[in-house]
Amino acid sequence: MSDLKTLSSMPGAVAAFQFDDDGRLEDAVITDEAAIDRDTLDLLGHLCIANMAIGAMQARGWEGMSDVKGFYPVEGFTFVGLDWSAVSRGRQGVVLSNDRADYDAAYKALAG
C-alpha cells in the first residue's frame, strides 16, 4: 500500500484517500488548495468499490463469452470529472486536478 502523504504530493494531486472493502473512508490527506472534503472522499470510496465490482462483472462476462482475454482481474478504476478526477487501485485513491493530472503516474504510484 502506498503512503497517503506521498500520493498527495504528486503533481496535480489535491487529495489521497484510503477506504475499506465497503468503500467507507478510513484515512485521507487533503491538500490546502483542495475544494474537497472527507464526505466527498467517502462517497468516492463507495464509487470506486461499486465500479470495480461492475468492471469485474463485465470483464468476466466478456472473457467468458469471447476468445478475448486479459480484462480480468480488474485492478483499478478512474473517474474523470469536469475539474478533477479520481484514480483508484486496491483500497486507495488519489484525486487529481484535471489541468495537471498524470493518470498513468497516479496509477503506478498506487501500485506502490
Protein backbone atom coordinates (compact mmCIF):
# COMPACT_ATOMS: atom_id res chain seq x y z
CA MET A 1 0.00 0.00 0.00
CA SER A 2 1.27 3.46 -0.83
CA ASP A 3 1.79 6.23 1.69
CA LEU A 4 -1.06 8.78 1.51
CA LYS A 5 1.27 11.71 2.17
CA THR A 6 3.45 10.66 -0.77
CA LEU A 7 0.40 10.20 -3.01
CA SER A 8 -0.96 13.62 -2.06
CA SER A 9 2.35 15.25 -3.06
CA MET A 10 2.18 14.00 -6.66
CA PRO A 11 1.92 16.72 -9.32
CA GLY A 12 -1.74 17.67 -9.67
CA ALA A 13 -2.89 15.81 -6.55
CA VAL A 14 -5.43 17.53 -4.33
CA ALA A 15 -6.12 14.56 -2.04
CA ALA A 16 -5.20 10.95 -1.36
CA PHE A 17 -7.51 8.58 0.45
CA GLN A 18 -7.88 5.04 1.74
CA PHE A 19 -11.15 3.15 2.10
CA ASP A 20 -12.32 -0.21 3.42
CA ASP A 21 -13.86 -3.12 1.49
CA ASP A 22 -17.28 -1.45 1.67
CA GLY A 23 -15.96 1.92 0.44
CA ARG A 24 -16.03 3.74 3.80
CA LEU A 25 -13.30 6.33 4.18
CA GLU A 26 -10.56 5.19 6.56
CA ASP A 27 -7.91 7.88 6.13
CA ALA A 28 -7.18 10.88 3.93
CA VAL A 29 -4.68 13.61 3.21
CA ILE A 30 -6.24 16.71 1.67
CA THR A 31 -4.01 19.49 0.34
CA ASP A 32 -4.57 23.07 1.43
CA GLU A 33 -5.63 24.12 -2.07
CA ALA A 34 -8.33 21.45 -2.37
CA ALA A 35 -12.01 22.24 -2.60
CA ILE A 36 -12.78 18.70 -1.47
CA ASP A 37 -13.76 17.32 1.93
CA ARG A 38 -13.85 14.00 3.76
CA ASP A 39 -17.54 13.44 2.92
CA THR A 40 -16.72 13.67 -0.79
CA LEU A 41 -13.80 11.26 -0.36
CA ASP A 42 -16.11 8.84 1.46
CA LEU A 43 -18.51 8.99 -1.49
CA LEU A 44 -15.59 8.44 -3.87
CA GLY A 45 -14.54 5.34 -1.91
CA HIS A 46 -18.03 3.90 -2.36
CA LEU A 47 -17.98 4.86 -6.05
CA CYS A 48 -14.65 3.07 -6.53
CA ILE A 49 -15.88 -0.13 -4.85
CA ALA A 50 -19.11 -0.15 -6.87
CA ASN A 51 -17.39 0.49 -10.18
CA MET A 52 -14.68 -2.09 -9.51
CA ALA A 53 -17.44 -4.66 -8.95
CA ILE A 54 -19.22 -3.64 -12.15
CA GLY A 55 -15.94 -3.67 -14.08
CA ALA A 56 -15.09 -7.13 -12.75
CA MET A 57 -18.51 -8.43 -13.74
CA GLN A 58 -18.15 -7.02 -17.25
CA ALA A 59 -14.61 -8.33 -17.63
CA ARG A 60 -15.58 -11.83 -16.50
CA GLY A 61 -18.58 -11.80 -18.80
CA TRP A 62 -16.59 -10.58 -21.79
CA GLU A 63 -13.85 -13.16 -21.28
CA GLY A 64 -16.44 -15.91 -20.80
CA MET A 65 -18.35 -15.01 -23.96
CA SER A 66 -15.42 -14.33 -26.29
CA ASP A 67 -11.95 -15.50 -27.16
CA VAL A 68 -10.52 -12.19 -25.98
CA LYS A 69 -8.69 -12.46 -22.62
CA GLY A 70 -6.77 -10.13 -20.33
CA PHE A 71 -9.54 -7.94 -18.91
CA TYR A 72 -9.77 -9.78 -15.60
CA PRO A 73 -8.83 -9.20 -12.88
CA VAL A 74 -9.74 -5.51 -12.82
CA GLU A 75 -7.16 -3.72 -10.69
CA GLY A 76 -8.21 -0.09 -10.76
CA PHE A 77 -10.80 2.49 -11.62
CA THR A 78 -10.60 6.09 -12.86
CA PHE A 79 -13.46 8.56 -12.56
CA VAL A 80 -13.00 11.61 -14.81
CA GLY A 81 -14.94 14.67 -13.73
CA LEU A 82 -15.16 18.21 -15.05
CA ASP A 83 -12.49 19.80 -12.83
CA TRP A 84 -10.84 16.84 -11.12
CA SER A 85 -10.54 13.09 -11.47
CA ALA A 86 -10.10 10.20 -9.05
CA VAL A 87 -7.78 7.27 -9.74
CA SER A 88 -8.01 4.22 -7.51
CA ARG A 89 -6.25 0.92 -7.21
CA GLY A 90 -6.83 -1.58 -4.45
CA ARG A 91 -8.29 0.31 -1.50
CA GLN A 92 -6.59 3.66 -2.14
CA GLY A 93 -7.20 6.58 -4.42
CA VAL A 94 -5.81 9.93 -5.42
CA VAL A 95 -7.79 12.96 -6.57
CA LEU A 96 -6.13 14.95 -9.34
CA SER A 97 -6.80 18.38 -10.76
CA ASN A 98 -7.56 17.73 -14.44
CA ASP A 99 -5.36 20.57 -15.67
CA ARG A 100 -2.29 18.89 -14.11
CA ALA A 101 -3.31 15.24 -14.00
CA ASP A 102 -0.95 12.43 -14.92
CA TYR A 103 -3.22 9.40 -14.79
CA ASP A 104 -0.50 6.86 -15.60
CA ALA A 105 1.79 8.20 -12.87
CA ALA A 106 -1.06 8.10 -10.35
CA TYR A 107 -1.94 4.52 -11.23
CA LYS A 108 1.70 3.44 -10.97
CA ALA A 109 2.13 5.26 -7.64
CA LEU A 110 -0.94 3.47 -6.27
CA ALA A 111 0.69 0.14 -7.12
CA GLY A 112 3.41 1.12 -4.63
